[in-house]
Amino acid sequence: MNRILLGCGAAAGPVFIATFLVTGAVRADYDPMRHPVSSLALGPGGWVQQASFCLNGMMYLAFAAGLVRTQRRRCAPLTGILLVAAAGAGQIGAEIFSTDPVSGYPPGTAHVLSEYSGPEALMHDVAAVPVFLGIPAAALIWARASARHRCRRWALYSGATAVIMLAGLALTSAAFAQAPALAPVGGLLQRLTVGTGMTWLSAHAIRYRIATGTSTG
């Protein structure tokens, strides 16, 4: 059972990324280089991205449950586990609450709004916090734990993931605020940021899953 839960963590990122890459490529008037992933949940066909948010969130919650079950044997930091669970809950929140239009999508909307259109859009951004800040925070916690146990490669990888995600978040925020040099590549910056974090989560899930299989023989 535990290997299944950890397997959910390994698969969650690739499934989510593949979904928004395919959906973004075929959506009319949508530019993956400019527009955010959340905008795919708007308009015709938006149910696909909504379902992807929900599935991704449930898979990360399952991953967190798997980490709890291995916590004592594999020294998984509890705070890091809680942050993984929060990221999963945030993805489900992103499915429940829709984003405002960003960077002119859907067509005919403003590139940036002076204020939220309503509480639903505000809650969507709140739900994104555990993803874009929670995952790098978890990476920093694992970096410290890995360094303490002399797993230097994982410590460096986890620390680099946190730095890249936080830098990516800053650049993405500026792009979606329509900074002239960044606005045309805001969607790309967000995808690289999300991809960095989810690749790290998948790598850790695989790592724990292999270790669990070894210990259980």
N, C-alpha and C. Protein backbone atom coordinates (compact mmCIF):
# COMPACT_ATOMS: atom_id res chain seq x y z
N MET A 1 0.82 -1.21 0.00
CA MET A 1 0.00 0.00 0.00
C MET A 1 0.86 1.27 0.00
N ASN A 2 1.94 1.23 0.82
CA ASN A 2 2.77 2.42 0.93
C ASN A 2 3.47 2.74 -0.39
N ARG A 3 3.87 1.70 -1.11
CA ARG A 3 4.52 1.92 -2.40
C ARG A 3 3.54 2.56 -3.40
N ILE A 4 2.27 2.23 -3.29
CA ILE A 4 1.26 2.85 -4.15
C ILE A 4 1.13 4.33 -3.83
N LEU A 5 1.09 4.66 -2.54
CA LEU A 5 0.99 6.06 -2.12
C LEU A 5 2.19 6.86 -2.59
N LEU A 6 3.38 6.30 -2.44
CA LEU A 6 4.59 6.98 -2.90
C LEU A 6 4.61 7.06 -4.43
N GLY A 7 4.07 6.04 -5.09
CA GLY A 7 3.98 6.07 -6.54
C GLY A 7 3.09 7.20 -7.04
N CYS A 8 2.07 7.54 -6.26
CA CYS A 8 1.22 8.68 -6.62
C CYS A 8 2.05 9.96 -6.66
N GLY A 9 2.97 10.09 -5.70
CA GLY A 9 3.83 11.27 -5.69
C GLY A 9 4.75 11.32 -6.88
N ALA A 10 5.23 10.16 -7.31
CA ALA A 10 6.12 10.10 -8.47
C ALA A 10 5.38 10.46 -9.76
N ALA A 11 4.13 10.04 -9.88
CA ALA A 11 3.38 10.23 -11.12
C ALA A 11 2.66 11.56 -11.19
N ALA A 12 2.40 12.19 -10.05
CA ALA A 12 1.55 13.39 -10.01
C ALA A 12 2.07 14.49 -10.92
N GLY A 13 3.35 14.84 -10.78
CA GLY A 13 3.91 15.92 -11.58
C GLY A 13 3.89 15.65 -13.07
N PRO A 14 4.42 14.51 -13.53
CA PRO A 14 4.39 14.23 -14.96
C PRO A 14 2.99 14.25 -15.57
N VAL A 15 2.00 13.71 -14.85
CA VAL A 15 0.63 13.71 -15.37
C VAL A 15 0.10 15.14 -15.49
N PHE A 16 0.34 15.94 -14.46
CA PHE A 16 -0.13 17.33 -14.47
C PHE A 16 0.55 18.12 -15.58
N ILE A 17 1.86 17.99 -15.70
CA ILE A 17 2.60 18.73 -16.71
C ILE A 17 2.19 18.31 -18.12
N ALA A 18 2.06 17.02 -18.34
CA ALA A 18 1.65 16.54 -19.66
C ALA A 18 0.27 17.08 -20.03
N THR A 19 -0.62 17.15 -19.05
CA THR A 19 -1.97 17.64 -19.32
C THR A 19 -1.96 19.10 -19.76
N PHE A 20 -1.24 19.96 -19.01
CA PHE A 20 -1.29 21.37 -19.41
C PHE A 20 -0.48 21.63 -20.67
N LEU A 21 0.51 20.82 -20.97
CA LEU A 21 1.25 21.00 -22.23
C LEU A 21 0.37 20.66 -23.43
N VAL A 22 -0.35 19.55 -23.34
CA VAL A 22 -1.21 19.13 -24.45
C VAL A 22 -2.40 20.08 -24.59
N THR A 23 -3.04 20.38 -23.48
CA THR A 23 -4.21 21.26 -23.52
C THR A 23 -3.84 22.65 -24.02
N GLY A 24 -2.72 23.16 -23.54
CA GLY A 24 -2.29 24.49 -23.97
C GLY A 24 -1.92 24.55 -25.44
N ALA A 25 -1.43 23.43 -25.97
CA ALA A 25 -1.02 23.41 -27.36
C ALA A 25 -2.20 23.42 -28.32
N VAL A 26 -3.34 22.90 -27.89
CA VAL A 26 -4.49 22.78 -28.80
C VAL A 26 -5.57 23.81 -28.54
N ARG A 27 -5.45 24.61 -27.48
CA ARG A 27 -6.49 25.59 -27.15
C ARG A 27 -6.40 26.80 -28.07
N ALA A 28 -7.48 27.14 -28.72
CA ALA A 28 -7.52 28.29 -29.62
C ALA A 28 -7.33 29.58 -28.83
N ASP A 29 -6.56 30.52 -29.40
CA ASP A 29 -6.32 31.84 -28.83
C ASP A 29 -5.53 31.81 -27.52
N TYR A 30 -5.02 30.65 -27.16
CA TYR A 30 -4.23 30.53 -25.93
C TYR A 30 -2.76 30.41 -26.31
N ASP A 31 -1.91 31.21 -25.66
CA ASP A 31 -0.48 31.20 -25.93
C ASP A 31 0.26 30.66 -24.70
N PRO A 32 0.77 29.43 -24.74
CA PRO A 32 1.46 28.87 -23.59
C PRO A 32 2.68 29.67 -23.16
N MET A 33 3.27 30.42 -24.07
CA MET A 33 4.43 31.24 -23.72
C MET A 33 4.01 32.42 -22.84
N ARG A 34 2.81 32.91 -23.02
CA ARG A 34 2.36 34.13 -22.33
C ARG A 34 1.38 33.85 -21.19
N HIS A 35 0.47 32.91 -21.38
CA HIS A 35 -0.66 32.77 -20.46
C HIS A 35 -0.41 31.73 -19.38
N PRO A 36 -0.98 31.94 -18.18
CA PRO A 36 -0.77 30.99 -17.08
C PRO A 36 -1.53 29.69 -17.26
N VAL A 37 -1.06 28.68 -16.55
CA VAL A 37 -1.71 27.37 -16.60
C VAL A 37 -3.16 27.48 -16.11
N SER A 38 -3.39 28.26 -15.08
CA SER A 38 -4.74 28.36 -14.50
C SER A 38 -5.78 28.86 -15.50
N SER A 39 -5.33 29.64 -16.48
CA SER A 39 -6.27 30.16 -17.48
C SER A 39 -6.86 29.07 -18.33
N LEU A 40 -6.22 27.90 -18.37
CA LEU A 40 -6.77 26.78 -19.13
C LEU A 40 -8.06 26.26 -18.51
N ALA A 41 -8.32 26.63 -17.25
CA ALA A 41 -9.56 26.21 -16.60
C ALA A 41 -10.73 27.11 -16.97
N LEU A 42 -10.47 28.18 -17.73
CA LEU A 42 -11.51 29.11 -18.15
C LEU A 42 -12.00 28.76 -19.55
N GLY A 43 -13.23 29.04 -19.83
CA GLY A 43 -13.76 28.89 -21.18
C GLY A 43 -14.06 27.45 -21.56
N PRO A 44 -14.38 27.22 -22.84
CA PRO A 44 -14.70 25.87 -23.33
C PRO A 44 -13.54 24.90 -23.11
N GLY A 45 -13.86 23.74 -22.61
CA GLY A 45 -12.82 22.75 -22.34
C GLY A 45 -12.10 22.97 -21.03
N GLY A 46 -12.52 23.95 -20.26
CA GLY A 46 -11.84 24.24 -19.01
C GLY A 46 -11.92 23.12 -17.99
N TRP A 47 -12.89 22.23 -18.17
CA TRP A 47 -13.06 21.13 -17.22
C TRP A 47 -11.83 20.21 -17.20
N VAL A 48 -11.10 20.16 -18.31
CA VAL A 48 -9.91 19.29 -18.35
C VAL A 48 -8.87 19.77 -17.34
N GLN A 49 -8.58 21.08 -17.35
CA GLN A 49 -7.60 21.62 -16.40
C GLN A 49 -8.14 21.56 -14.98
N GLN A 50 -9.43 21.78 -14.81
CA GLN A 50 -10.02 21.67 -13.48
C GLN A 50 -9.84 20.26 -12.92
N ALA A 51 -10.11 19.27 -13.76
CA ALA A 51 -9.93 17.89 -13.33
C ALA A 51 -8.46 17.60 -13.04
N SER A 52 -7.56 18.20 -13.82
CA SER A 52 -6.13 18.00 -13.62
C SER A 52 -5.69 18.57 -12.27
N PHE A 53 -6.19 19.76 -11.93
CA PHE A 53 -5.89 20.33 -10.61
C PHE A 53 -6.33 19.38 -9.50
N CYS A 54 -7.54 18.89 -9.61
CA CYS A 54 -8.11 18.03 -8.56
C CYS A 54 -7.32 16.72 -8.45
N LEU A 55 -7.04 16.09 -9.58
CA LEU A 55 -6.30 14.83 -9.57
C LEU A 55 -4.90 15.03 -9.00
N ASN A 56 -4.24 16.09 -9.42
CA ASN A 56 -2.90 16.38 -8.93
C ASN A 56 -2.91 16.58 -7.41
N GLY A 57 -3.89 17.32 -6.93
CA GLY A 57 -3.98 17.55 -5.50
C GLY A 57 -4.19 16.27 -4.72
N MET A 58 -5.07 15.40 -5.20
CA MET A 58 -5.32 14.15 -4.50
C MET A 58 -4.09 13.24 -4.51
N MET A 59 -3.33 13.27 -5.61
CA MET A 59 -2.13 12.44 -5.69
C MET A 59 -1.05 12.93 -4.73
N TYR A 60 -0.95 14.24 -4.56
CA TYR A 60 0.03 14.75 -3.60
C TYR A 60 -0.41 14.51 -2.16
N LEU A 61 -1.69 14.52 -1.91
CA LEU A 61 -2.18 14.16 -0.58
C LEU A 61 -1.86 12.69 -0.29
N ALA A 62 -2.02 11.84 -1.31
CA ALA A 62 -1.67 10.43 -1.14
C ALA A 62 -0.16 10.29 -0.90
N PHE A 63 0.64 11.06 -1.61
CA PHE A 63 2.09 11.04 -1.42
C PHE A 63 2.45 11.43 0.01
N ALA A 64 1.80 12.48 0.51
CA ALA A 64 2.06 12.91 1.89
C ALA A 64 1.71 11.80 2.88
N ALA A 65 0.61 11.10 2.61
CA ALA A 65 0.24 9.98 3.48
C ALA A 65 1.31 8.89 3.44
N GLY A 66 1.85 8.64 2.27
CA GLY A 66 2.93 7.66 2.14
C GLY A 66 4.17 8.09 2.89
N LEU A 67 4.48 9.40 2.86
CA LEU A 67 5.64 9.90 3.59
C LEU A 67 5.45 9.75 5.10
N VAL A 68 4.23 9.96 5.57
CA VAL A 68 3.96 9.78 7.00
C VAL A 68 4.25 8.35 7.42
N ARG A 69 3.87 7.40 6.55
CA ARG A 69 4.06 5.99 6.88
C ARG A 69 5.53 5.59 6.89
N THR A 70 6.38 6.36 6.20
CA THR A 70 7.81 6.05 6.17
C THR A 70 8.63 6.99 7.04
N GLN A 71 7.95 7.90 7.74
CA GLN A 71 8.64 8.98 8.44
C GLN A 71 9.73 8.49 9.39
N ARG A 72 9.40 7.55 10.26
CA ARG A 72 10.36 7.12 11.26
C ARG A 72 11.53 6.35 10.65
N ARG A 73 11.22 5.51 9.65
CA ARG A 73 12.28 4.68 9.06
C ARG A 73 13.18 5.49 8.14
N ARG A 74 12.64 6.52 7.50
CA ARG A 74 13.41 7.22 6.48
C ARG A 74 13.68 8.68 6.83
N CYS A 75 13.41 9.07 8.06
CA CYS A 75 13.75 10.41 8.54
C CYS A 75 13.12 11.51 7.67
N ALA A 76 11.91 11.29 7.24
CA ALA A 76 11.20 12.32 6.48
C ALA A 76 10.74 13.41 7.45
N PRO A 77 11.14 14.67 7.24
CA PRO A 77 10.77 15.74 8.17
C PRO A 77 9.27 16.01 8.16
N LEU A 78 8.66 16.03 9.34
CA LEU A 78 7.21 16.19 9.44
C LEU A 78 6.75 17.51 8.82
N THR A 79 7.49 18.59 9.07
CA THR A 79 7.08 19.88 8.52
C THR A 79 7.08 19.84 6.99
N GLY A 80 8.08 19.18 6.43
CA GLY A 80 8.12 19.03 4.98
C GLY A 80 6.94 18.24 4.46
N ILE A 81 6.58 17.18 5.17
CA ILE A 81 5.42 16.37 4.77
C ILE A 81 4.15 17.21 4.78
N LEU A 82 3.98 18.02 5.82
CA LEU A 82 2.79 18.87 5.92
C LEU A 82 2.74 19.88 4.77
N LEU A 83 3.90 20.36 4.35
CA LEU A 83 3.94 21.30 3.23
C LEU A 83 3.57 20.62 1.91
N VAL A 84 3.97 19.37 1.75
CA VAL A 84 3.56 18.60 0.57
C VAL A 84 2.05 18.42 0.56
N ALA A 85 1.49 18.09 1.73
CA ALA A 85 0.03 17.94 1.83
C ALA A 85 -0.67 19.26 1.54
N ALA A 86 -0.08 20.37 2.02
CA ALA A 86 -0.67 21.69 1.77
C ALA A 86 -0.66 22.02 0.28
N ALA A 87 0.42 21.63 -0.41
CA ALA A 87 0.47 21.85 -1.86
C ALA A 87 -0.63 21.07 -2.56
N GLY A 88 -0.88 19.84 -2.10
CA GLY A 88 -1.97 19.05 -2.67
C GLY A 88 -3.31 19.71 -2.43
N ALA A 89 -3.52 20.19 -1.20
CA ALA A 89 -4.77 20.88 -0.89
C ALA A 89 -4.91 22.15 -1.72
N GLY A 90 -3.78 22.84 -1.95
CA GLY A 90 -3.82 24.05 -2.76
C GLY A 90 -4.25 23.77 -4.19
N GLN A 91 -3.80 22.65 -4.75
CA GLN A 91 -4.20 22.30 -6.10
C GLN A 91 -5.70 22.01 -6.17
N ILE A 92 -6.22 21.37 -5.15
CA ILE A 92 -7.67 21.15 -5.12
C ILE A 92 -8.41 22.48 -5.00
N GLY A 93 -7.85 23.40 -4.19
CA GLY A 93 -8.43 24.74 -4.09
C GLY A 93 -8.42 25.47 -5.42
N ALA A 94 -7.36 25.27 -6.20
CA ALA A 94 -7.28 25.90 -7.52
C ALA A 94 -8.36 25.39 -8.45
N GLU A 95 -8.78 24.15 -8.24
CA GLU A 95 -9.88 23.58 -9.03
C GLU A 95 -11.22 24.16 -8.60
N ILE A 96 -11.39 24.38 -7.30
CA ILE A 96 -12.66 24.88 -6.78
C ILE A 96 -12.87 26.34 -7.14
N PHE A 97 -11.81 27.15 -7.02
CA PHE A 97 -11.90 28.59 -7.24
C PHE A 97 -11.20 28.96 -8.54
N SER A 98 -11.92 29.62 -9.43
CA SER A 98 -11.37 29.97 -10.74
C SER A 98 -10.57 31.27 -10.67
N THR A 99 -9.55 31.35 -11.52
CA THR A 99 -8.72 32.54 -11.60
C THR A 99 -9.41 33.65 -12.38
N ASP A 100 -8.94 34.86 -12.18
CA ASP A 100 -9.33 35.97 -13.05
C ASP A 100 -8.60 35.86 -14.38
N PRO A 101 -9.08 36.52 -15.43
CA PRO A 101 -8.32 36.59 -16.68
C PRO A 101 -6.94 37.21 -16.45
N VAL A 102 -5.94 36.69 -17.14
CA VAL A 102 -4.56 37.18 -17.01
C VAL A 102 -3.96 37.31 -18.41
N SER A 103 -3.23 38.40 -18.62
CA SER A 103 -2.49 38.61 -19.87
C SER A 103 -3.37 38.51 -21.11
N GLY A 104 -4.62 38.96 -20.99
CA GLY A 104 -5.49 39.03 -22.16
C GLY A 104 -6.16 37.73 -22.55
N TYR A 105 -6.15 36.74 -21.65
CA TYR A 105 -6.89 35.50 -21.92
C TYR A 105 -7.90 35.29 -20.80
N PRO A 106 -9.15 34.95 -21.16
CA PRO A 106 -9.72 34.73 -22.49
C PRO A 106 -9.71 35.99 -23.36
N PRO A 107 -9.80 35.82 -24.68
CA PRO A 107 -9.74 36.96 -25.60
C PRO A 107 -10.77 38.03 -25.24
N GLY A 108 -10.35 39.30 -25.35
CA GLY A 108 -11.24 40.41 -25.06
C GLY A 108 -11.16 40.89 -23.63
N THR A 109 -10.38 40.23 -22.79
CA THR A 109 -10.23 40.65 -21.39
C THR A 109 -8.96 41.48 -21.24
N ALA A 110 -8.88 42.20 -20.12
CA ALA A 110 -7.72 43.06 -19.86
C ALA A 110 -6.47 42.22 -19.60
N HIS A 111 -5.33 42.80 -19.88
CA HIS A 111 -4.06 42.10 -19.63
C HIS A 111 -3.77 42.01 -18.13
N VAL A 112 -4.20 43.00 -17.37
CA VAL A 112 -4.05 42.97 -15.91
C VAL A 112 -5.22 43.73 -15.29
N LEU A 113 -5.79 43.20 -14.23
CA LEU A 113 -6.91 43.83 -13.55
C LEU A 113 -6.40 44.66 -12.37
N SER A 114 -7.04 45.78 -12.13
CA SER A 114 -6.63 46.64 -11.02
C SER A 114 -7.01 46.06 -9.67
N GLU A 115 -8.02 45.19 -9.65
CA GLU A 115 -8.44 44.52 -8.42
C GLU A 115 -9.11 43.21 -8.79
N TYR A 116 -9.27 42.33 -7.79
CA TYR A 116 -9.92 41.05 -8.04
C TYR A 116 -11.38 41.27 -8.44
N SER A 117 -11.84 40.42 -9.35
CA SER A 117 -13.24 40.52 -9.79
C SER A 117 -14.20 40.05 -8.72
N GLY A 118 -13.71 39.25 -7.78
CA GLY A 118 -14.56 38.74 -6.70
C GLY A 118 -13.77 37.83 -5.79
N PRO A 119 -14.42 37.33 -4.74
CA PRO A 119 -13.71 36.48 -3.77
C PRO A 119 -13.19 35.17 -4.35
N GLU A 120 -13.83 34.65 -5.40
CA GLU A 120 -13.39 33.39 -5.98
C GLU A 120 -11.99 33.52 -6.56
N ALA A 121 -11.72 34.61 -7.28
CA ALA A 121 -10.40 34.81 -7.86
C ALA A 121 -9.35 35.02 -6.77
N LEU A 122 -9.73 35.73 -5.72
CA LEU A 122 -8.81 35.91 -4.59
C LEU A 122 -8.45 34.57 -3.96
N MET A 123 -9.44 33.72 -3.77
CA MET A 123 -9.20 32.42 -3.16
C MET A 123 -8.34 31.53 -4.05
N HIS A 124 -8.45 31.72 -5.36
CA HIS A 124 -7.59 30.96 -6.27
C HIS A 124 -6.13 31.29 -6.02
N ASP A 125 -5.83 32.58 -5.87
CA ASP A 125 -4.45 32.99 -5.61
C ASP A 125 -3.99 32.54 -4.23
N VAL A 126 -4.90 32.56 -3.26
CA VAL A 126 -4.56 32.05 -1.93
C VAL A 126 -4.21 30.57 -2.01
N ALA A 127 -4.98 29.82 -2.79
CA ALA A 127 -4.73 28.39 -2.93
C ALA A 127 -3.39 28.12 -3.60
N ALA A 128 -2.89 29.06 -4.39
CA ALA A 128 -1.61 28.87 -5.07
C ALA A 128 -0.42 29.04 -4.14
N VAL A 129 -0.62 29.68 -3.00
CA VAL A 129 0.50 29.94 -2.08
C VAL A 129 1.19 28.66 -1.61
N PRO A 130 0.44 27.62 -1.16
CA PRO A 130 1.14 26.39 -0.74
C PRO A 130 1.89 25.69 -1.87
N VAL A 131 1.54 25.99 -3.10
CA VAL A 131 2.24 25.38 -4.23
C VAL A 131 3.53 26.15 -4.52
N PHE A 132 3.41 27.46 -4.74
CA PHE A 132 4.56 28.24 -5.19
C PHE A 132 5.49 28.66 -4.05
N LEU A 133 5.00 28.67 -2.81
CA LEU A 133 5.87 28.95 -1.67
C LEU A 133 6.08 27.71 -0.80
N GLY A 134 5.05 26.86 -0.73
CA GLY A 134 5.14 25.68 0.12
C GLY A 134 6.14 24.65 -0.40
N ILE A 135 6.16 24.43 -1.72
CA ILE A 135 7.10 23.44 -2.27
C ILE A 135 8.55 23.87 -2.07
N PRO A 136 8.93 25.13 -2.38
CA PRO A 136 10.31 25.51 -2.09
C PRO A 136 10.65 25.48 -0.61
N ALA A 137 9.67 25.80 0.25
CA ALA A 137 9.92 25.69 1.69
C ALA A 137 10.18 24.24 2.08
N ALA A 138 9.40 23.32 1.51
CA ALA A 138 9.63 21.89 1.78
C ALA A 138 11.01 21.47 1.26
N ALA A 139 11.39 21.99 0.10
CA ALA A 139 12.70 21.65 -0.46
C ALA A 139 13.83 22.11 0.46
N LEU A 140 13.68 23.29 1.05
CA LEU A 140 14.70 23.78 1.98
C LEU A 140 14.77 22.90 3.22
N ILE A 141 13.62 22.47 3.71
CA ILE A 141 13.59 21.59 4.88
C ILE A 141 14.27 20.27 4.58
N TRP A 142 14.00 19.71 3.40
CA TRP A 142 14.65 18.45 3.02
C TRP A 142 16.14 18.66 2.75
N ALA A 143 16.51 19.83 2.27
CA ALA A 143 17.93 20.11 2.06
C ALA A 143 18.67 20.06 3.39
N ARG A 144 18.07 20.65 4.41
CA ARG A 144 18.70 20.64 5.74
C ARG A 144 18.76 19.23 6.30
N ALA A 145 17.65 18.49 6.16
CA ALA A 145 17.63 17.11 6.67
C ALA A 145 18.63 16.24 5.93
N SER A 146 18.73 16.43 4.62
CA SER A 146 19.67 15.63 3.83
C SER A 146 21.11 15.95 4.20
N ALA A 147 21.40 17.23 4.42
CA ALA A 147 22.75 17.61 4.82
C ALA A 147 23.10 17.02 6.18
N ARG A 148 22.12 17.01 7.09
CA ARG A 148 22.36 16.46 8.43
C ARG A 148 22.68 14.97 8.37
N HIS A 149 22.09 14.27 7.39
CA HIS A 149 22.35 12.83 7.24
C HIS A 149 23.41 12.56 6.17
N ARG A 150 24.15 13.61 5.80
CA ARG A 150 25.28 13.51 4.88
C ARG A 150 24.88 13.00 3.49
N CYS A 151 23.66 13.34 3.09
CA CYS A 151 23.22 13.06 1.71
C CYS A 151 23.44 14.34 0.91
N ARG A 152 24.67 14.61 0.56
CA ARG A 152 25.04 15.92 0.01
C ARG A 152 24.39 16.20 -1.34
N ARG A 153 24.30 15.19 -2.18
CA ARG A 153 23.70 15.42 -3.49
C ARG A 153 22.24 15.83 -3.37
N TRP A 154 21.52 15.15 -2.50
CA TRP A 154 20.10 15.48 -2.32
C TRP A 154 19.95 16.83 -1.64
N ALA A 155 20.87 17.14 -0.74
CA ALA A 155 20.83 18.45 -0.09
C ALA A 155 21.03 19.56 -1.11
N LEU A 156 21.99 19.39 -2.00
CA LEU A 156 22.25 20.39 -3.03
C LEU A 156 21.08 20.49 -4.00
N TYR A 157 20.55 19.33 -4.41
CA TYR A 157 19.42 19.34 -5.35
C TYR A 157 18.21 20.02 -4.73
N SER A 158 17.92 19.70 -3.48
CA SER A 158 16.77 20.29 -2.82
C SER A 158 16.95 21.79 -2.64
N GLY A 159 18.16 22.21 -2.23
CA GLY A 159 18.42 23.64 -2.07
C GLY A 159 18.32 24.38 -3.38
N ALA A 160 18.86 23.80 -4.45
CA ALA A 160 18.78 24.43 -5.77
C ALA A 160 17.34 24.55 -6.24
N THR A 161 16.54 23.52 -5.95
CA THR A 161 15.12 23.56 -6.32
C THR A 161 14.42 24.74 -5.66
N ALA A 162 14.69 24.94 -4.37
CA ALA A 162 14.05 26.04 -3.65
C ALA A 162 14.45 27.39 -4.25
N VAL A 163 15.73 27.57 -4.53
CA VAL A 163 16.21 28.84 -5.08
C VAL A 163 15.61 29.10 -6.46
N ILE A 164 15.60 28.08 -7.31
CA ILE A 164 15.07 28.24 -8.67
C ILE A 164 13.58 28.55 -8.63
N MET A 165 12.85 27.87 -7.76
CA MET A 165 11.40 28.12 -7.67
C MET A 165 11.11 29.53 -7.19
N LEU A 166 11.82 29.99 -6.18
CA LEU A 166 11.56 31.33 -5.65
C LEU A 166 11.93 32.40 -6.67
N ALA A 167 13.04 32.21 -7.38
CA ALA A 167 13.41 33.15 -8.44
C ALA A 167 12.38 33.11 -9.56
N GLY A 168 11.93 31.91 -9.91
CA GLY A 168 10.91 31.77 -10.94
C GLY A 168 9.60 32.42 -10.56
N LEU A 169 9.23 32.31 -9.28
CA LEU A 169 8.00 32.94 -8.81
C LEU A 169 8.08 34.46 -8.95
N ALA A 170 9.23 35.03 -8.57
CA ALA A 170 9.40 36.48 -8.67
C ALA A 170 9.30 36.94 -10.12
N LEU A 171 9.94 36.22 -11.02
CA LEU A 171 9.91 36.59 -12.44
C LEU A 171 8.51 36.40 -13.02
N THR A 172 7.85 35.30 -12.64
CA THR A 172 6.50 35.05 -13.15
C THR A 172 5.54 36.12 -12.68
N SER A 173 5.64 36.52 -11.41
CA SER A 173 4.76 37.56 -10.88
C SER A 173 4.95 38.86 -11.64
N ALA A 174 6.21 39.20 -11.93
CA ALA A 174 6.47 40.42 -12.69
C ALA A 174 5.92 40.31 -14.11
N ALA A 175 6.01 39.13 -14.69
CA ALA A 175 5.51 38.92 -16.05
C ALA A 175 4.00 39.10 -16.11
N PHE A 176 3.29 38.50 -15.15
CA PHE A 176 1.83 38.60 -15.17
C PHE A 176 1.34 39.99 -14.75
N ALA A 177 2.25 40.77 -14.12
CA ALA A 177 1.94 42.18 -13.84
C ALA A 177 2.26 43.05 -15.05
N GLN A 178 2.66 42.38 -16.15
CA GLN A 178 2.90 43.00 -17.46
C GLN A 178 4.18 43.82 -17.51
N ALA A 179 5.22 43.36 -16.82
CA ALA A 179 6.55 43.94 -17.03
C ALA A 179 6.91 43.73 -18.50
N PRO A 180 7.25 44.79 -19.23
CA PRO A 180 7.40 44.69 -20.69
C PRO A 180 8.34 43.59 -21.16
N ALA A 181 9.46 43.41 -20.48
CA ALA A 181 10.44 42.44 -20.93
C ALA A 181 10.04 41.00 -20.62
N LEU A 182 9.12 40.82 -19.65
CA LEU A 182 8.78 39.48 -19.18
C LEU A 182 7.39 39.02 -19.57
N ALA A 183 6.47 39.95 -19.82
CA ALA A 183 5.09 39.59 -20.12
C ALA A 183 4.95 38.58 -21.26
N PRO A 184 5.72 38.70 -22.34
CA PRO A 184 5.56 37.73 -23.44
C PRO A 184 5.96 36.30 -23.09
N VAL A 185 6.72 36.12 -21.98
CA VAL A 185 7.16 34.78 -21.61
C VAL A 185 6.69 34.39 -20.21
N GLY A 186 5.64 35.05 -19.73
CA GLY A 186 5.12 34.75 -18.40
C GLY A 186 4.66 33.31 -18.25
N GLY A 187 3.99 32.78 -19.27
CA GLY A 187 3.53 31.40 -19.22
C GLY A 187 4.70 30.42 -19.17
N LEU A 188 5.73 30.70 -19.95
CA LEU A 188 6.92 29.84 -19.95
C LEU A 188 7.60 29.87 -18.59
N LEU A 189 7.75 31.05 -18.00
CA LEU A 189 8.38 31.17 -16.69
C LEU A 189 7.60 30.39 -15.63
N GLN A 190 6.28 30.50 -15.69
CA GLN A 190 5.48 29.76 -14.71
C GLN A 190 5.62 28.26 -14.91
N ARG A 191 5.63 27.81 -16.15
CA ARG A 191 5.76 26.38 -16.41
C ARG A 191 7.12 25.84 -15.95
N LEU A 192 8.17 26.63 -16.14
CA LEU A 192 9.49 26.21 -15.67
C LEU A 192 9.53 26.15 -14.14
N THR A 193 8.86 27.09 -13.50
CA THR A 193 8.81 27.11 -12.04
C THR A 193 8.05 25.90 -11.51
N VAL A 194 6.87 25.67 -12.06
CA VAL A 194 6.07 24.52 -11.64
C VAL A 194 6.81 23.22 -11.95
N GLY A 195 7.39 23.13 -13.13
CA GLY A 195 8.10 21.92 -13.52
C GLY A 195 9.27 21.61 -12.61
N THR A 196 9.99 22.65 -12.18
CA THR A 196 11.12 22.46 -11.28
C THR A 196 10.66 21.83 -9.97
N GLY A 197 9.59 22.40 -9.40
CA GLY A 197 9.09 21.88 -8.13
C GLY A 197 8.52 20.48 -8.22
N MET A 198 7.75 20.24 -9.27
CA MET A 198 7.11 18.93 -9.40
C MET A 198 8.11 17.84 -9.77
N THR A 199 9.16 18.21 -10.51
CA THR A 199 10.21 17.23 -10.80
C THR A 199 10.93 16.83 -9.51
N TRP A 200 11.17 17.81 -8.65
CA TRP A 200 11.80 17.51 -7.34
C TRP A 200 10.91 16.59 -6.51
N LEU A 201 9.61 16.86 -6.47
CA LEU A 201 8.69 16.00 -5.73
C LEU A 201 8.69 14.58 -6.29
N SER A 202 8.68 14.46 -7.61
CA SER A 202 8.70 13.13 -8.22
C SER A 202 9.99 12.39 -7.88
N ALA A 203 11.10 13.11 -7.92
CA ALA A 203 12.39 12.49 -7.60
C ALA A 203 12.41 11.98 -6.16
N HIS A 204 11.87 12.77 -5.26
CA HIS A 204 11.84 12.34 -3.86
C HIS A 204 10.89 11.16 -3.66
N ALA A 205 9.78 11.18 -4.37
CA ALA A 205 8.85 10.05 -4.26
C ALA A 205 9.51 8.77 -4.74
N ILE A 206 10.22 8.85 -5.86
CA ILE A 206 10.92 7.68 -6.38
C ILE A 206 11.98 7.21 -5.40
N ARG A 207 12.69 8.17 -4.82
CA ARG A 207 13.74 7.84 -3.86
C ARG A 207 13.18 7.08 -2.66
N TYR A 208 12.10 7.59 -2.10
CA TYR A 208 11.49 6.93 -0.94
C TYR A 208 10.87 5.59 -1.33
N ARG A 209 10.31 5.53 -2.52
CA ARG A 209 9.69 4.28 -2.96
C ARG A 209 10.74 3.18 -3.13
N ILE A 210 11.88 3.52 -3.72
CA ILE A 210 12.96 2.54 -3.87
C ILE A 210 13.46 2.09 -2.50
N ALA A 211 13.63 3.05 -1.58
CA ALA A 211 14.11 2.71 -0.26
C ALA A 211 13.13 1.82 0.48
N THR A 212 11.84 2.10 0.30
CA THR A 212 10.82 1.28 0.95
C THR A 212 10.83 -0.14 0.40
N GLY A 213 10.98 -0.26 -0.92
CA GLY A 213 11.04 -1.59 -1.53
C GLY A 213 12.23 -2.38 -1.06
N THR A 214 13.36 -1.67 -0.88
CA THR A 214 14.57 -2.34 -0.41
C THR A 214 14.41 -2.85 1.02
N SER A 215 13.77 -1.99 1.86
CA SER A 215 13.65 -2.36 3.27
C SER A 215 12.64 -3.45 3.51
N THR A 216 11.65 -3.55 2.60
CA THR A 216 10.62 -4.56 2.78
C THR A 216 10.95 -5.84 2.04
N GLY A 217 12.05 -5.81 1.26
CA GLY A 217 12.55 -7.00 0.59
C GLY A 217 11.75 -7.52 -0.53
